[in-house]
Amino acid sequence: MSVFDDPGHFGRLWAATYDSPGNPDPAPAVDFLAPLADGGPVLELAVGTGRVALPLAARGLTVEGVEASPEMVAKLRAKPGGEYLPVTIGDMADVPVSGPYRLVLLVFNTLFNLVDAERQAACFRNVARVLAPGGAFVIEAFVPDPADFDRDEQVQVREVTEDSATIRMHRYDRAAQTFLRQTITFDAGGVHLQPFAMRYAWPEQIDEMAERAGLRLADRYADWDRTPFDAESRAHISVYRLG
């Protein structure tokens, strides 16, 4: 199955290292999100290993998750409190739960893991279906920089040691707003491939998807600390409201 057609691919590939040092600290996100939950319940799409969901639950909120990767959920279950957090295995674009929820969240650029524009739009429609009136849908995503894909293909040397060499290659489809990234490691054990794909979108395009689903942009910040968003911002935290 192609990486473009497999919603669980990311989890299978990265579950073992998803909580490694160097990943974003979830504390600022939890501080931002907890008041928006308004007592809950809360749904996290692509809940992963529970880096955000479990701290939210520890604050007394009722939190549920949707996750395509059983490998990610196994990591969540092994954490304190993880055995009690309800998780539905499924595609986050389908939002395969009933609700209603006061807060739905989709963080760490994960909207872009839906590599088809229609699947991204379906995610918004299905979130609107399960949000309580006045509820919030919060998205964290990077702002695409055309300088990052000024050529259709890119090759980068990632690591070279006496025992191995790792290169990373990108192929961009600017019309479709997608890229395929392949990380290739050569070592004594052979050739190891780590494919990954995304469909990126600019904030105004995300706003359009939200509006078509009946959601309105209520707030936008450059980070979880509520830094004002402007033309120089490289990421955004967007809060959409139903109704």
C-alpha atoms as a PDB file:
ATOM      1  CA  MET A   1       0.000   0.000   0.000  1.00  0.00           C
ATOM      2  CA  SER A   2       1.291   3.465  -0.898  1.00  0.00           C
ATOM      3  CA  VAL A   3       2.214   5.878   1.870  1.00  0.00           C
ATOM      4  CA  PHE A   4      -0.337   8.224   0.268  1.00  0.00           C
ATOM      5  CA  ASP A   5      -3.137   5.698   0.923  1.00  0.00           C
ATOM      6  CA  ASP A   6      -2.232   4.360   4.371  1.00  0.00           C
ATOM      7  CA  PRO A   7      -3.427   6.418   7.385  1.00  0.00           C
ATOM      8  CA  GLY A   8      -1.494   4.231   9.829  1.00  0.00           C
ATOM      9  CA  HIS A   9       1.839   4.512   8.047  1.00  0.00           C
ATOM     10  CA  PHE A  10       3.215   7.359  10.146  1.00  0.00           C
ATOM     11  CA  GLY A  11       2.494   5.548  13.397  1.00  0.00           C
ATOM     12  CA  ARG A  12       4.112   2.307  12.346  1.00  0.00           C
ATOM     13  CA  LEU A  13       7.188   4.163  11.169  1.00  0.00           C
ATOM     14  CA  TRP A  14       7.680   6.491  14.129  1.00  0.00           C
ATOM     15  CA  ALA A  15       6.009   4.877  17.164  1.00  0.00           C
ATOM     16  CA  ALA A  16       9.306   3.607  18.564  1.00  0.00           C
ATOM     17  CA  THR A  17      10.939   7.061  18.544  1.00  0.00           C
ATOM     18  CA  TYR A  18       7.927   9.383  18.824  1.00  0.00           C
ATOM     19  CA  ASP A  19       8.678  10.280  22.441  1.00  0.00           C
ATOM     20  CA  SER A  20      12.444  10.642  21.980  1.00  0.00           C
ATOM     21  CA  PRO A  21      14.249  13.730  23.338  1.00  0.00           C
ATOM     22  CA  GLY A  22      14.088  16.690  20.983  1.00  0.00           C
ATOM     23  CA  ASN A  23      10.374  16.467  20.272  1.00  0.00           C
ATOM     24  CA  PRO A  24       8.250  19.498  21.201  1.00  0.00           C
ATOM     25  CA  ASP A  25       7.418  19.985  24.876  1.00  0.00           C
ATOM     26  CA  PRO A  26       3.648  19.419  25.193  1.00  0.00           C
ATOM     27  CA  ALA A  27       3.288  21.584  28.331  1.00  0.00           C
ATOM     28  CA  PRO A  28       2.608  24.904  26.517  1.00  0.00           C
ATOM     29  CA  ALA A  29      -0.031  23.202  24.372  1.00  0.00           C
ATOM     30  CA  VAL A  30      -1.718  21.705  27.435  1.00  0.00           C
ATOM     31  CA  ASP A  31      -1.744  25.096  29.191  1.00  0.00           C
ATOM     32  CA  PHE A  32      -3.346  26.667  26.113  1.00  0.00           C
ATOM     33  CA  LEU A  33      -5.902  23.924  25.520  1.00  0.00           C
ATOM     34  CA  ALA A  34      -7.156  23.142  29.004  1.00  0.00           C
ATOM     35  CA  PRO A  35      -9.181  26.377  29.456  1.00  0.00           C
ATOM     36  CA  LEU A  36     -10.690  25.995  25.970  1.00  0.00           C
ATOM     37  CA  ALA A  37     -12.031  22.586  26.968  1.00  0.00           C
ATOM     38  CA  ASP A  38     -14.502  24.336  29.288  1.00  0.00           C
ATOM     39  CA  GLY A  39     -14.765  21.221  31.426  1.00  0.00           C
ATOM     40  CA  GLY A  40     -14.744  18.778  28.510  1.00  0.00           C
ATOM     41  CA  PRO A  41     -15.241  16.346  26.988  1.00  0.00           C
ATOM     42  CA  VAL A  42     -12.200  16.552  24.712  1.00  0.00           C
ATOM     43  CA  LEU A  43     -11.256  14.633  21.562  1.00  0.00           C
ATOM     44  CA  GLU A  44      -7.714  14.488  20.200  1.00  0.00           C
ATOM     45  CA  LEU A  45      -7.364  13.379  16.600  1.00  0.00           C
ATOM     46  CA  ALA A  46      -4.157  11.443  15.892  1.00  0.00           C
ATOM     47  CA  VAL A  47      -3.700  11.058  19.642  1.00  0.00           C
ATOM     48  CA  GLY A  48      -0.430   9.175  19.115  1.00  0.00           C
ATOM     49  CA  THR A  49       1.295   8.180  22.342  1.00  0.00           C
ATOM     50  CA  GLY A  50      -0.816  10.570  24.405  1.00  0.00           C
ATOM     51  CA  ARG A  51       1.745  13.338  24.776  1.00  0.00           C
ATOM     52  CA  VAL A  52      -1.036  15.957  24.963  1.00  0.00           C
ATOM     53  CA  ALA A  53      -4.093  13.851  25.797  1.00  0.00           C
ATOM     54  CA  LEU A  54      -2.700  12.309  28.987  1.00  0.00           C
ATOM     55  CA  PRO A  55      -1.651  15.643  30.598  1.00  0.00           C
ATOM     56  CA  LEU A  56      -5.087  17.044  29.723  1.00  0.00           C
ATOM     57  CA  ALA A  57      -6.743  14.032  31.355  1.00  0.00           C
ATOM     58  CA  ALA A  58      -4.508  14.505  34.398  1.00  0.00           C
ATOM     59  CA  ARG A  59      -6.165  17.920  34.841  1.00  0.00           C
ATOM     60  CA  GLY A  60      -9.500  16.220  35.395  1.00  0.00           C
ATOM     61  CA  LEU A  61     -10.839  16.467  31.851  1.00  0.00           C
ATOM     62  CA  THR A  62     -12.608  13.634  30.064  1.00  0.00           C
ATOM     63  CA  VAL A  63     -10.399  12.969  27.046  1.00  0.00           C
ATOM     64  CA  GLU A  64     -10.804  10.534  24.153  1.00  0.00           C
ATOM     65  CA  GLY A  65      -8.605   9.870  21.145  1.00  0.00           C
ATOM     66  CA  VAL A  66      -8.669   8.685  17.551  1.00  0.00           C
ATOM     67  CA  GLU A  67      -5.533   7.019  16.195  1.00  0.00           C
ATOM     68  CA  ALA A  68      -4.825   4.999  13.039  1.00  0.00           C
ATOM     69  CA  SER A  69      -1.768   3.232  14.444  1.00  0.00           C
ATOM     70  CA  PRO A  70      -2.115   0.399  16.994  1.00  0.00           C
ATOM     71  CA  GLU A  71       1.631   0.763  17.581  1.00  0.00           C
ATOM     72  CA  MET A  72       1.131   4.323  18.809  1.00  0.00           C
ATOM     73  CA  VAL A  73      -1.765   3.273  21.027  1.00  0.00           C
ATOM     74  CA  ALA A  74       0.356   0.525  22.579  1.00  0.00           C
ATOM     75  CA  LYS A  75       2.870   3.204  23.614  1.00  0.00           C
ATOM     76  CA  LEU A  76       0.039   5.280  25.085  1.00  0.00           C
ATOM     77  CA  ARG A  77      -1.317   2.301  27.038  1.00  0.00           C
ATOM     78  CA  ALA A  78       2.099   1.725  28.644  1.00  0.00           C
ATOM     79  CA  LYS A  79       2.125   5.215  30.197  1.00  0.00           C
ATOM     80  CA  PRO A  80       0.601   6.089  33.580  1.00  0.00           C
ATOM     81  CA  GLY A  81      -3.114   6.659  33.038  1.00  0.00           C
ATOM     82  CA  GLY A  82      -2.924   5.428  29.464  1.00  0.00           C
ATOM     83  CA  GLU A  83      -4.928   2.297  30.158  1.00  0.00           C
ATOM     84  CA  TYR A  84      -7.959   4.425  31.038  1.00  0.00           C
ATOM     85  CA  LEU A  85      -8.017   6.777  28.046  1.00  0.00           C
ATOM     86  CA  PRO A  86     -10.573   5.655  25.419  1.00  0.00           C
ATOM     87  CA  VAL A  87      -9.052   5.439  21.927  1.00  0.00           C
ATOM     88  CA  THR A  88     -10.851   4.548  18.707  1.00  0.00           C
ATOM     89  CA  ILE A  89      -8.636   2.976  16.052  1.00  0.00           C
ATOM     90  CA  GLY A  90      -9.463   4.623  12.745  1.00  0.00           C
ATOM     91  CA  ASP A  91      -8.754   7.315  10.184  1.00  0.00           C
ATOM     92  CA  MET A  92      -8.830  10.777  11.756  1.00  0.00           C
ATOM     93  CA  ALA A  93     -10.491  12.192   8.624  1.00  0.00           C
ATOM     94  CA  ASP A  94     -13.554  10.069   9.392  1.00  0.00           C
ATOM     95  CA  VAL A  95     -13.686  11.207  13.053  1.00  0.00           C
ATOM     96  CA  PRO A  96     -15.239   7.796  13.892  1.00  0.00           C
ATOM     97  CA  VAL A  97     -16.845   8.879  17.189  1.00  0.00           C
ATOM     98  CA  SER A  98     -20.160  10.415  18.222  1.00  0.00           C
ATOM     99  CA  GLY A  99     -19.502  13.331  20.576  1.00  0.00           C
ATOM    100  CA  PRO A 100     -20.484  15.998  21.254  1.00  0.00           C
ATOM    101  CA  TYR A 101     -17.158  17.469  22.387  1.00  0.00           C
ATOM    102  CA  ARG A 102     -16.368  20.886  23.781  1.00  0.00           C
ATOM    103  CA  LEU A 103     -12.881  20.714  22.276  1.00  0.00           C
ATOM    104  CA  VAL A 104     -11.315  18.814  19.375  1.00  0.00           C
ATOM    105  CA  LEU A 105      -7.583  19.162  18.752  1.00  0.00           C
ATOM    106  CA  LEU A 106      -5.206  18.238  15.948  1.00  0.00           C
ATOM    107  CA  VAL A 107      -1.629  19.246  16.756  1.00  0.00           C
ATOM    108  CA  PHE A 108       2.001  18.748  15.600  1.00  0.00           C
ATOM    109  CA  ASN A 109       1.219  19.481  11.887  1.00  0.00           C
ATOM    110  CA  THR A 110      -0.830  16.288  11.734  1.00  0.00           C
ATOM    111  CA  LEU A 111      -3.551  17.755   9.525  1.00  0.00           C
ATOM    112  CA  PHE A 112      -0.978  17.592   6.731  1.00  0.00           C
ATOM    113  CA  ASN A 113      -0.579  13.829   7.226  1.00  0.00           C
ATOM    114  CA  LEU A 114      -3.881  13.618   5.355  1.00  0.00           C
ATOM    115  CA  VAL A 115      -2.260  13.733   1.935  1.00  0.00           C
ATOM    116  CA  ASP A 116      -5.419  14.359  -0.096  1.00  0.00           C
ATOM    117  CA  ALA A 117      -7.274  17.683  -0.172  1.00  0.00           C
ATOM    118  CA  GLU A 118     -10.670  15.994   0.030  1.00  0.00           C
ATOM    119  CA  ARG A 119      -9.637  13.967   3.088  1.00  0.00           C
ATOM    120  CA  GLN A 120      -8.545  17.169   4.793  1.00  0.00           C
ATOM    121  CA  ALA A 121     -11.911  18.753   3.966  1.00  0.00           C
ATOM    122  CA  ALA A 122     -13.700  15.625   5.231  1.00  0.00           C
ATOM    123  CA  CYS A 123     -11.862  15.950   8.531  1.00  0.00           C
ATOM    124  CA  PHE A 124     -13.287  19.443   9.017  1.00  0.00           C
ATOM    125  CA  ARG A 125     -16.806  18.336   8.112  1.00  0.00           C
ATOM    126  CA  ASN A 126     -16.674  15.439  10.531  1.00  0.00           C
ATOM    127  CA  VAL A 127     -15.229  17.565  13.325  1.00  0.00           C
ATOM    128  CA  ALA A 128     -18.120  19.988  12.859  1.00  0.00           C
ATOM    129  CA  ARG A 129     -20.471  17.024  13.158  1.00  0.00           C
ATOM    130  CA  VAL A 130     -19.191  16.037  16.619  1.00  0.00           C
ATOM    131  CA  LEU A 131     -18.531  19.490  18.112  1.00  0.00           C
ATOM    132  CA  ALA A 132     -20.912  20.848  20.722  1.00  0.00           C
ATOM    133  CA  PRO A 133     -22.474  24.240  19.852  1.00  0.00           C
ATOM    134  CA  GLY A 134     -19.829  26.875  20.480  1.00  0.00           C
ATOM    135  CA  GLY A 135     -17.161  24.176  20.745  1.00  0.00           C
ATOM    136  CA  ALA A 136     -13.587  24.741  19.597  1.00  0.00           C
ATOM    137  CA  PHE A 137     -11.447  22.946  17.015  1.00  0.00           C
ATOM    138  CA  VAL A 138      -7.751  23.757  17.501  1.00  0.00           C
ATOM    139  CA  ILE A 139      -5.138  23.089  14.829  1.00  0.00           C
ATOM    140  CA  GLU A 140      -1.366  23.499  15.060  1.00  0.00           C
ATOM    141  CA  ALA A 141       0.436  23.614  11.711  1.00  0.00           C
ATOM    142  CA  PHE A 142       3.479  25.081  10.030  1.00  0.00           C
ATOM    143  CA  VAL A 143       3.176  27.853   7.456  1.00  0.00           C
ATOM    144  CA  PRO A 144       4.634  26.561   4.169  1.00  0.00           C
ATOM    145  CA  ASP A 145       7.698  28.417   2.915  1.00  0.00           C
ATOM    146  CA  PRO A 146       8.117  28.257  -0.874  1.00  0.00           C
ATOM    147  CA  ALA A 147      11.874  28.576  -0.378  1.00  0.00           C
ATOM    148  CA  ASP A 148      11.821  25.069   1.077  1.00  0.00           C
ATOM    149  CA  PHE A 149      10.646  23.609  -2.223  1.00  0.00           C
ATOM    150  CA  ASP A 150      12.090  25.880  -4.856  1.00  0.00           C
ATOM    151  CA  ARG A 151      13.129  22.797  -6.795  1.00  0.00           C
ATOM    152  CA  ASP A 152      10.992  19.786  -7.576  1.00  0.00           C
ATOM    153  CA  GLU A 153      13.557  17.446  -6.036  1.00  0.00           C
ATOM    154  CA  GLN A 154      16.039  17.861  -3.193  1.00  0.00           C
ATOM    155  CA  VAL A 155      18.795  15.663  -1.784  1.00  0.00           C
ATOM    156  CA  GLN A 156      20.350  16.161   1.657  1.00  0.00           C
ATOM    157  CA  VAL A 157      23.110  14.296   3.430  1.00  0.00           C
ATOM    158  CA  ARG A 158      21.818  13.559   6.934  1.00  0.00           C
ATOM    159  CA  GLU A 159      24.568  11.519   8.566  1.00  0.00           C
ATOM    160  CA  VAL A 160      27.827   9.825   7.618  1.00  0.00           C
ATOM    161  CA  THR A 161      29.731   7.496   9.935  1.00  0.00           C
ATOM    162  CA  GLU A 162      32.273   4.724   9.450  1.00  0.00           C
ATOM    163  CA  ASP A 163      29.435   2.210   9.515  1.00  0.00           C
ATOM    164  CA  SER A 164      26.561   3.924   7.736  1.00  0.00           C
ATOM    165  CA  ALA A 165      25.391   6.791   5.581  1.00  0.00           C
ATOM    166  CA  THR A 166      21.950   8.402   5.566  1.00  0.00           C
ATOM    167  CA  ILE A 167      20.542  10.650   2.866  1.00  0.00           C
ATOM    168  CA  ARG A 168      17.146  12.306   2.604  1.00  0.00           C
ATOM    169  CA  MET A 169      15.396  13.014  -0.689  1.00  0.00           C
ATOM    170  CA  HIS A 170      12.287  15.105  -1.342  1.00  0.00           C
ATOM    171  CA  ARG A 171      10.024  15.158  -4.364  1.00  0.00           C
ATOM    172  CA  TYR A 172       7.558  18.049  -4.453  1.00  0.00           C
ATOM    173  CA  ASP A 173       4.350  18.342  -6.436  1.00  0.00           C
ATOM    174  CA  ARG A 174       3.655  22.032  -6.117  1.00  0.00           C
ATOM    175  CA  ALA A 175       0.339  21.870  -7.979  1.00  0.00           C
ATOM    176  CA  ALA A 176      -1.024  19.247  -5.573  1.00  0.00           C
ATOM    177  CA  GLN A 177       0.784  20.821  -2.576  1.00  0.00           C
ATOM    178  CA  THR A 178       2.274  17.453  -1.650  1.00  0.00           C
ATOM    179  CA  PHE A 179       5.714  16.073  -1.061  1.00  0.00           C
ATOM    180  CA  LEU A 180       7.188  12.621  -0.709  1.00  0.00           C
ATOM    181  CA  ARG A 181      10.218  12.330   1.544  1.00  0.00           C
ATOM    182  CA  GLN A 182      12.434   9.285   1.520  1.00  0.00           C
ATOM    183  CA  THR A 183      15.111   8.790   4.171  1.00  0.00           C
ATOM    184  CA  ILE A 184      17.590   6.139   3.036  1.00  0.00           C
ATOM    185  CA  THR A 185      20.209   4.538   5.288  1.00  0.00           C
ATOM    186  CA  PHE A 186      22.976   2.326   3.934  1.00  0.00           C
ATOM    187  CA  ASP A 187      24.769   0.083   6.426  1.00  0.00           C
ATOM    188  CA  ALA A 188      26.084  -3.451   6.844  1.00  0.00           C
ATOM    189  CA  GLY A 189      22.518  -4.709   7.156  1.00  0.00           C
ATOM    190  CA  GLY A 190      21.516  -3.365   3.770  1.00  0.00           C
ATOM    191  CA  VAL A 191      19.367  -0.485   2.558  1.00  0.00           C
ATOM    192  CA  HIS A 192      16.659   0.884   4.885  1.00  0.00           C
ATOM    193  CA  LEU A 193      13.815   3.092   3.620  1.00  0.00           C
ATOM    194  CA  GLN A 194      11.650   5.465   5.654  1.00  0.00           C
ATOM    195  CA  PRO A 195       9.066   7.058   3.343  1.00  0.00           C
ATOM    196  CA  PHE A 196       6.882   9.926   4.542  1.00  0.00           C
ATOM    197  CA  ALA A 197       4.371  12.170   2.772  1.00  0.00           C
ATOM    198  CA  MET A 198       2.401  15.341   3.501  1.00  0.00           C
ATOM    199  CA  ARG A 199      -0.098  17.653   1.872  1.00  0.00           C
ATOM    200  CA  TYR A 200       0.633  21.153   3.136  1.00  0.00           C
ATOM    201  CA  ALA A 201      -1.745  24.119   3.087  1.00  0.00           C
ATOM    202  CA  TRP A 202      -1.504  27.813   3.861  1.00  0.00           C
ATOM    203  CA  PRO A 203      -3.559  29.256   6.743  1.00  0.00           C
ATOM    204  CA  GLU A 204      -6.045  30.938   4.419  1.00  0.00           C
ATOM    205  CA  GLN A 205      -6.651  27.612   2.661  1.00  0.00           C
ATOM    206  CA  ILE A 206      -7.299  25.938   6.003  1.00  0.00           C
ATOM    207  CA  ASP A 207      -9.716  28.756   6.847  1.00  0.00           C
ATOM    208  CA  GLU A 208     -11.607  28.055   3.640  1.00  0.00           C
ATOM    209  CA  MET A 209     -11.965  24.362   4.525  1.00  0.00           C
ATOM    210  CA  ALA A 210     -13.202  25.319   7.961  1.00  0.00           C
ATOM    211  CA  GLU A 211     -15.715  27.819   6.591  1.00  0.00           C
ATOM    212  CA  ARG A 212     -17.142  25.277   4.160  1.00  0.00           C
ATOM    213  CA  ALA A 213     -17.654  22.936   7.117  1.00  0.00           C
ATOM    214  CA  GLY A 214     -19.534  25.582   9.122  1.00  0.00           C
ATOM    215  CA  LEU A 215     -16.619  26.596  11.343  1.00  0.00           C
ATOM    216  CA  ARG A 216     -15.356  30.141  11.824  1.00  0.00           C
ATOM    217  CA  LEU A 217     -11.870  31.303  12.755  1.00  0.00           C
ATOM    218  CA  ALA A 218     -12.034  32.751  16.279  1.00  0.00           C
ATOM    219  CA  ASP A 219      -8.325  33.235  17.113  1.00  0.00           C
ATOM    220  CA  ARG A 220      -4.919  32.671  15.567  1.00  0.00           C
ATOM    221  CA  TYR A 221      -1.514  32.830  17.223  1.00  0.00           C
ATOM    222  CA  ALA A 222       2.056  32.140  16.180  1.00  0.00           C
ATOM    223  CA  ASP A 223       2.641  29.697  19.047  1.00  0.00           C
ATOM    224  CA  TRP A 224       1.110  28.222  22.197  1.00  0.00           C
ATOM    225  CA  ASP A 225       2.252  31.276  24.179  1.00  0.00           C
ATOM    226  CA  ARG A 226      -0.215  33.396  22.174  1.00  0.00           C
ATOM    227  CA  THR A 227       2.429  35.379  20.315  1.00  0.00           C
ATOM    228  CA  PRO A 228       0.562  37.479  17.718  1.00  0.00           C
ATOM    229  CA  PHE A 229       0.470  35.880  14.282  1.00  0.00           C
ATOM    230  CA  ASP A 230       1.871  37.957  11.434  1.00  0.00           C
ATOM    231  CA  ALA A 231       3.356  37.637   7.967  1.00  0.00           C
ATOM    232  CA  GLU A 232       6.682  36.443   9.391  1.00  0.00           C
ATOM    233  CA  SER A 233       5.202  33.634  11.502  1.00  0.00           C
ATOM    234  CA  ARG A 234       6.396  30.164  10.527  1.00  0.00           C
ATOM    235  CA  ALA A 235       3.629  28.305  12.377  1.00  0.00           C
ATOM    236  CA  HIS A 236       0.111  28.953  13.598  1.00  0.00           C
ATOM    237  CA  ILE A 237      -2.265  27.863  16.329  1.00  0.00           C
ATOM    238  CA  SER A 238      -5.771  28.350  14.915  1.00  0.00           C
ATOM    239  CA  VAL A 239      -8.952  28.151  16.987  1.00  0.00           C
ATOM    240  CA  TYR A 240     -12.157  27.516  15.056  1.00  0.00           C
ATOM    241  CA  ARG A 241     -15.620  27.678  16.567  1.00  0.00           C
ATOM    242  CA  LEU A 242     -18.863  26.001  15.608  1.00  0.00           C
ATOM    243  CA  GLY A 243     -21.687  28.455  15.115  1.00  0.00           C
END
